[in-house]
Structure formats: C-alpha cells, structure tokens
PDB file of N, CA and C in Angstrom:
ATOM      1  N   MET A   1     -29.605 -12.595   8.670  1.00  0.00           N
ATOM      2  CA  MET A   1     -28.512 -13.275   8.989  1.00  0.00           C
ATOM      3  C   MET A   1     -27.248 -12.611   9.393  1.00  0.00           C
ATOM      4  N   GLU A   2     -26.661 -12.862  10.561  1.00  0.00           N
ATOM      5  CA  GLU A   2     -25.444 -12.324  11.193  1.00  0.00           C
ATOM      6  C   GLU A   2     -24.289 -12.929  10.692  1.00  0.00           C
ATOM      7  N   ILE A   3     -23.425 -12.121  10.401  1.00  0.00           N
ATOM      8  CA  ILE A   3     -21.970 -12.452   9.838  1.00  0.00           C
ATOM      9  C   ILE A   3     -21.186 -12.916  11.268  1.00  0.00           C
ATOM     10  N   PRO A   4     -20.462 -14.065  11.191  1.00  0.00           N
ATOM     11  CA  PRO A   4     -19.846 -14.337  12.427  1.00  0.00           C
ATOM     12  C   PRO A   4     -18.615 -13.566  12.312  1.00  0.00           C
ATOM     13  N   ASP A   5     -18.028 -13.288  13.767  1.00  0.00           N
ATOM     14  CA  ASP A   5     -17.047 -12.478  13.872  1.00  0.00           C
ATOM     15  C   ASP A   5     -15.568 -13.095  13.416  1.00  0.00           C
ATOM     16  N   LYS A   6     -14.756 -12.719  12.764  1.00  0.00           N
ATOM     17  CA  LYS A   6     -13.825 -13.358  12.101  1.00  0.00           C
ATOM     18  C   LYS A   6     -12.503 -13.629  13.200  1.00  0.00           C
ATOM     19  N   ASN A   7     -12.697 -12.909  14.255  1.00  0.00           N
ATOM     20  CA  ASN A   7     -11.601 -13.079  15.225  1.00  0.00           C
ATOM     21  C   ASN A   7     -11.991 -13.986  16.327  1.00  0.00           C
ATOM     22  N   GLU A   8     -13.203 -14.591  16.303  1.00  0.00           N
ATOM     23  CA  GLU A   8     -13.725 -15.702  17.210  1.00  0.00           C
ATOM     24  C   GLU A   8     -12.991 -16.979  16.509  1.00  0.00           C
ATOM     25  N   THR A   9     -12.463 -17.855  17.467  1.00  0.00           N
ATOM     26  CA  THR A   9     -11.664 -19.090  16.844  1.00  0.00           C
ATOM     27  C   THR A   9     -12.936 -19.909  16.613  1.00  0.00           C
ATOM     28  N   PHE A  10     -13.993 -19.995  17.506  1.00  0.00           N
ATOM     29  CA  PHE A  10     -15.004 -20.894  17.104  1.00  0.00           C
ATOM     30  C   PHE A  10     -16.565 -20.293  16.650  1.00  0.00           C
ATOM     31  N   PRO A  11     -16.762 -20.159  15.517  1.00  0.00           N
ATOM     32  CA  PRO A  11     -17.733 -19.280  15.144  1.00  0.00           C
ATOM     33  C   PRO A  11     -19.176 -19.561  15.465  1.00  0.00           C
ATOM     34  N   LEU A  12     -19.334 -21.143  15.701  1.00  0.00           N
ATOM     35  CA  LEU A  12     -20.644 -21.536  16.313  1.00  0.00           C
ATOM     36  C   LEU A  12     -20.451 -21.924  17.840  1.00  0.00           C
ATOM     37  N   PRO A  13     -21.526 -21.299  18.539  1.00  0.00           N
ATOM     38  CA  PRO A  13     -21.443 -21.239  19.843  1.00  0.00           C
ATOM     39  C   PRO A  13     -21.743 -23.033  20.217  1.00  0.00           C
ATOM     40  N   HIS A  14     -20.789 -23.378  21.156  1.00  0.00           N
ATOM     41  CA  HIS A  14     -21.000 -24.499  21.806  1.00  0.00           C
ATOM     42  C   HIS A  14     -20.737 -25.687  20.639  1.00  0.00           C
ATOM     43  N   TYR A  15     -20.152 -25.456  19.764  1.00  0.00           N
ATOM     44  CA  TYR A  15     -19.397 -26.600  18.601  1.00  0.00           C
ATOM     45  C   TYR A  15     -17.854 -26.185  18.530  1.00  0.00           C
ATOM     46  N   LYS A  16     -17.047 -26.879  19.158  1.00  0.00           N
ATOM     47  CA  LYS A  16     -15.780 -26.845  19.226  1.00  0.00           C
ATOM     48  C   LYS A  16     -14.879 -27.676  18.152  1.00  0.00           C
ATOM     49  N   LYS A  17     -15.607 -28.116  17.301  1.00  0.00           N
ATOM     50  CA  LYS A  17     -15.090 -29.026  15.983  1.00  0.00           C
ATOM     51  C   LYS A  17     -14.718 -28.109  14.681  1.00  0.00           C
ATOM     52  N   LEU A  18     -15.189 -26.983  14.751  1.00  0.00           N
ATOM     53  CA  LEU A  18     -14.919 -25.957  13.581  1.00  0.00           C
ATOM     54  C   LEU A  18     -14.517 -24.780  14.297  1.00  0.00           C
ATOM     55  N   CYS A  19     -13.928 -24.368  13.494  1.00  0.00           N
ATOM     56  CA  CYS A  19     -12.933 -23.018  13.723  1.00  0.00           C
ATOM     57  C   CYS A  19     -12.549 -22.177  12.560  1.00  0.00           C
ATOM     58  N   PHE A  20     -12.286 -21.056  12.736  1.00  0.00           N
ATOM     59  CA  PHE A  20     -11.619 -20.219  11.756  1.00  0.00           C
ATOM     60  C   PHE A  20     -10.030 -20.434  11.879  1.00  0.00           C
ATOM     61  N   LEU A  21      -9.491 -20.988  10.673  1.00  0.00           N
ATOM     62  CA  LEU A  21      -8.098 -21.254  10.772  1.00  0.00           C
ATOM     63  C   LEU A  21      -7.227 -20.114  11.038  1.00  0.00           C
ATOM     64  N   LYS A  22      -7.477 -18.896  10.597  1.00  0.00           N
ATOM     65  CA  LYS A  22      -6.392 -17.672  10.981  1.00  0.00           C
ATOM     66  C   LYS A  22      -6.238 -17.771  12.471  1.00  0.00           C
ATOM     67  N   ASN A  23      -7.075 -17.924  13.176  1.00  0.00           N
ATOM     68  CA  ASN A  23      -6.838 -17.887  14.553  1.00  0.00           C
ATOM     69  C   ASN A  23      -6.431 -19.151  15.307  1.00  0.00           C
ATOM     70  N   ILE A  24      -5.886 -20.084  14.644  1.00  0.00           N
ATOM     71  CA  ILE A  24      -5.194 -21.404  15.360  1.00  0.00           C
ATOM     72  C   ILE A  24      -3.933 -21.444  14.623  1.00  0.00           C
ATOM     73  N   ILE A  25      -3.585 -21.230  13.246  1.00  0.00           N
ATOM     74  CA  ILE A  25      -2.158 -21.183  12.821  1.00  0.00           C
ATOM     75  C   ILE A  25      -1.010 -20.697  13.394  1.00  0.00           C
ATOM     76  N   LYS A  26      -0.232 -21.149  13.607  1.00  0.00           N
ATOM     77  CA  LYS A  26       0.972 -20.567  14.245  1.00  0.00           C
ATOM     78  C   LYS A  26       2.263 -20.334  13.359  1.00  0.00           C
ATOM     79  N   ASN A  27       2.230 -21.172  12.331  1.00  0.00           N
ATOM     80  CA  ASN A  27       3.250 -21.033  11.280  1.00  0.00           C
ATOM     81  C   ASN A  27       3.022 -20.010  10.331  1.00  0.00           C
ATOM     82  N   PRO A  28       3.981 -18.972  10.377  1.00  0.00           N
ATOM     83  CA  PRO A  28       3.702 -17.722   9.391  1.00  0.00           C
ATOM     84  C   PRO A  28       3.602 -18.270   8.032  1.00  0.00           C
ATOM     85  N   ASN A  29       4.129 -19.051   7.589  1.00  0.00           N
ATOM     86  CA  ASN A  29       4.354 -19.544   6.186  1.00  0.00           C
ATOM     87  C   ASN A  29       2.859 -20.091   5.612  1.00  0.00           C
ATOM     88  N   ILE A  30       1.957 -20.431   6.575  1.00  0.00           N
ATOM     89  CA  ILE A  30       0.752 -20.855   5.945  1.00  0.00           C
ATOM     90  C   ILE A  30      -0.180 -19.801   6.043  1.00  0.00           C
ATOM     91  N   ILE A  31      -0.747 -19.328   4.714  1.00  0.00           N
ATOM     92  CA  ILE A  31      -1.485 -18.136   4.598  1.00  0.00           C
ATOM     93  C   ILE A  31      -2.778 -18.720   4.292  1.00  0.00           C
ATOM     94  N   VAL A  32      -3.977 -18.118   5.345  1.00  0.00           N
ATOM     95  CA  VAL A  32      -5.199 -18.400   4.931  1.00  0.00           C
ATOM     96  C   VAL A  32      -6.018 -17.050   4.982  1.00  0.00           C
ATOM     97  N   GLY A  33      -7.353 -17.197   4.469  1.00  0.00           N
ATOM     98  CA  GLY A  33      -8.433 -15.976   4.629  1.00  0.00           C
ATOM     99  C   GLY A  33      -8.951 -15.899   5.959  1.00  0.00           C
ATOM    100  N   ASP A  34      -9.644 -14.634   6.039  1.00  0.00           N
ATOM    101  CA  ASP A  34     -10.161 -14.484   7.475  1.00  0.00           C
ATOM    102  C   ASP A  34     -11.382 -15.452   7.806  1.00  0.00           C
ATOM    103  N   TYR A  35     -12.049 -15.947   6.543  1.00  0.00           N
ATOM    104  CA  TYR A  35     -13.093 -16.711   6.803  1.00  0.00           C
ATOM    105  C   TYR A  35     -12.753 -18.141   6.422  1.00  0.00           C
ATOM    106  N   THR A  36     -11.595 -18.483   6.237  1.00  0.00           N
ATOM    107  CA  THR A  36     -11.251 -20.011   5.901  1.00  0.00           C
ATOM    108  C   THR A  36     -11.816 -20.911   7.245  1.00  0.00           C
ATOM    109  N   TYR A  37     -12.373 -21.723   7.020  1.00  0.00           N
ATOM    110  CA  TYR A  37     -12.675 -22.592   8.182  1.00  0.00           C
ATOM    111  C   TYR A  37     -12.267 -24.065   8.185  1.00  0.00           C
ATOM    112  N   TYR A  38     -12.036 -24.745   9.111  1.00  0.00           N
ATOM    113  CA  TYR A  38     -11.674 -25.974   9.371  1.00  0.00           C
ATOM    114  C   TYR A  38     -12.481 -26.836  10.259  1.00  0.00           C
ATOM    115  N   ASP A  39     -12.929 -28.108   9.976  1.00  0.00           N
ATOM    116  CA  ASP A  39     -13.848 -28.853  10.566  1.00  0.00           C
ATOM    117  C   ASP A  39     -13.177 -30.205  10.984  1.00  0.00           C
ATOM    118  N   ASP A  40     -12.950 -30.541  11.916  1.00  0.00           N
ATOM    119  CA  ASP A  40     -12.168 -31.740  12.478  1.00  0.00           C
ATOM    120  C   ASP A  40     -12.775 -32.528  13.850  1.00  0.00           C
ATOM    121  N   PHE A  41     -13.292 -33.599  13.461  1.00  0.00           N
ATOM    122  CA  PHE A  41     -14.089 -34.516  14.554  1.00  0.00           C
ATOM    123  C   PHE A  41     -13.178 -34.926  15.846  1.00  0.00           C
ATOM    124  N   GLU A  42     -11.979 -34.588  15.632  1.00  0.00           N
ATOM    125  CA  GLU A  42     -10.950 -34.978  16.571  1.00  0.00           C
ATOM    126  C   GLU A  42     -10.265 -33.797  17.392  1.00  0.00           C
ATOM    127  N   ASN A  43      -9.607 -32.788  16.908  1.00  0.00           N
ATOM    128  CA  ASN A  43      -8.950 -31.847  17.347  1.00  0.00           C
ATOM    129  C   ASN A  43      -8.787 -30.601  16.331  1.00  0.00           C
ATOM    130  N   VAL A  44      -9.286 -29.629  16.295  1.00  0.00           N
ATOM    131  CA  VAL A  44      -8.998 -28.521  15.160  1.00  0.00           C
ATOM    132  C   VAL A  44      -7.608 -28.020  15.264  1.00  0.00           C
ATOM    133  N   GLU A  45      -6.921 -28.279  16.570  1.00  0.00           N
ATOM    134  CA  GLU A  45      -5.532 -27.699  16.615  1.00  0.00           C
ATOM    135  C   GLU A  45      -4.510 -28.555  16.145  1.00  0.00           C
ATOM    136  N   SER A  46      -4.974 -29.655  15.382  1.00  0.00           N
ATOM    137  CA  SER A  46      -4.041 -30.430  14.571  1.00  0.00           C
ATOM    138  C   SER A  46      -3.885 -30.245  13.146  1.00  0.00           C
ATOM    139  N   PHE A  47      -4.531 -29.045  12.778  1.00  0.00           N
ATOM    140  CA  PHE A  47      -4.497 -28.874  11.426  1.00  0.00           C
ATOM    141  C   PHE A  47      -3.033 -28.626  10.703  1.00  0.00           C
ATOM    142  N   GLU A  48      -2.033 -27.922  11.441  1.00  0.00           N
ATOM    143  CA  GLU A  48      -0.764 -27.918  10.826  1.00  0.00           C
ATOM    144  C   GLU A  48      -0.163 -29.045  10.516  1.00  0.00           C
ATOM    145  N   LYS A  49      -0.399 -30.185  11.227  1.00  0.00           N
ATOM    146  CA  LYS A  49       0.166 -31.529  10.851  1.00  0.00           C
ATOM    147  C   LYS A  49      -0.249 -32.089   9.607  1.00  0.00           C
ATOM    148  N   ASN A  50      -1.383 -31.651   9.222  1.00  0.00           N
ATOM    149  CA  ASN A  50      -2.032 -32.133   7.975  1.00  0.00           C
ATOM    150  C   ASN A  50      -1.803 -31.450   6.811  1.00  0.00           C
ATOM    151  N   VAL A  51      -0.792 -30.420   6.635  1.00  0.00           N
ATOM    152  CA  VAL A  51      -0.192 -29.671   5.720  1.00  0.00           C
ATOM    153  C   VAL A  51       0.912 -30.634   5.162  1.00  0.00           C
ATOM    154  N   LYS A  52       0.709 -31.395   3.875  1.00  0.00           N
ATOM    155  CA  LYS A  52       1.649 -32.133   3.505  1.00  0.00           C
ATOM    156  C   LYS A  52       2.560 -31.714   2.785  1.00  0.00           C
ATOM    157  N   TYR A  53       2.441 -30.826   1.836  1.00  0.00           N
ATOM    158  CA  TYR A  53       3.296 -30.486   0.841  1.00  0.00           C
ATOM    159  C   TYR A  53       3.983 -28.738   1.144  1.00  0.00           C
ATOM    160  N   HIS A  54       4.401 -28.633   2.034  1.00  0.00           N
ATOM    161  CA  HIS A  54       4.951 -27.182   2.317  1.00  0.00           C
ATOM    162  C   HIS A  54       6.240 -27.517   2.750  1.00  0.00           C
ATOM    163  N   PHE A  55       7.276 -27.069   1.946  1.00  0.00           N
ATOM    164  CA  PHE A  55       8.703 -27.427   2.212  1.00  0.00           C
ATOM    165  C   PHE A  55       9.342 -26.130   2.614  1.00  0.00           C
ATOM    166  N   ASP A  56       9.898 -25.933   3.693  1.00  0.00           N
ATOM    167  CA  ASP A  56      10.635 -24.620   4.260  1.00  0.00           C
ATOM    168  C   ASP A  56      12.189 -24.546   3.389  1.00  0.00           C
ATOM    169  N   PHE A  57      12.723 -25.791   3.011  1.00  0.00           N
ATOM    170  CA  PHE A  57      13.856 -25.616   2.388  1.00  0.00           C
ATOM    171  C   PHE A  57      13.920 -25.308   0.950  1.00  0.00           C
ATOM    172  N   LEU A  58      12.732 -25.210   0.364  1.00  0.00           N
ATOM    173  CA  LEU A  58      12.364 -24.708  -0.998  1.00  0.00           C
ATOM    174  C   LEU A  58      11.842 -23.340  -1.019  1.00  0.00           C
ATOM    175  N   GLY A  59      11.930 -22.702   0.111  1.00  0.00           N
ATOM    176  CA  GLY A  59      11.231 -21.306   0.422  1.00  0.00           C
ATOM    177  C   GLY A  59       9.853 -21.230   0.439  1.00  0.00           C
ATOM    178  N   ASP A  60       8.968 -22.222   0.601  1.00  0.00           N
ATOM    179  CA  ASP A  60       7.789 -22.367   0.754  1.00  0.00           C
ATOM    180  C   ASP A  60       7.207 -21.435   1.917  1.00  0.00           C
TER     181      ASP A  60
END
C-alpha cells in the first residue's frame, strides 16, 4: 500500500470531493495535521465557513 503525498491537495486521483485540509486552509488560526482530510459533496474549498466556534476576539 502506498502512502498518499501529504502535499497533494487531492490524494485520490479523479476525485475532487476529498482533500487534505492543510493544503486548502488559509486562516493561520486553524491548525490541522498533515493527513487530516475533508470530504464535501459540494465544494471542499468551503471548509472554513463550517468552522463554527472560532472567535478571534477571544484569542482563538
């Protein structure tokens, strides 16, 4: 079994609904591991809007 490259956004060829989050998150306050993945049937780029309890004014 081959381990997926953690620097690839989409580890499964020809399937753009699953991604490694580290490669799409732009907010520096959201920290994830190298192999943390996210699967979304609509758009994986919308992950950050799903973060509900992250309050910058509290120092999160």
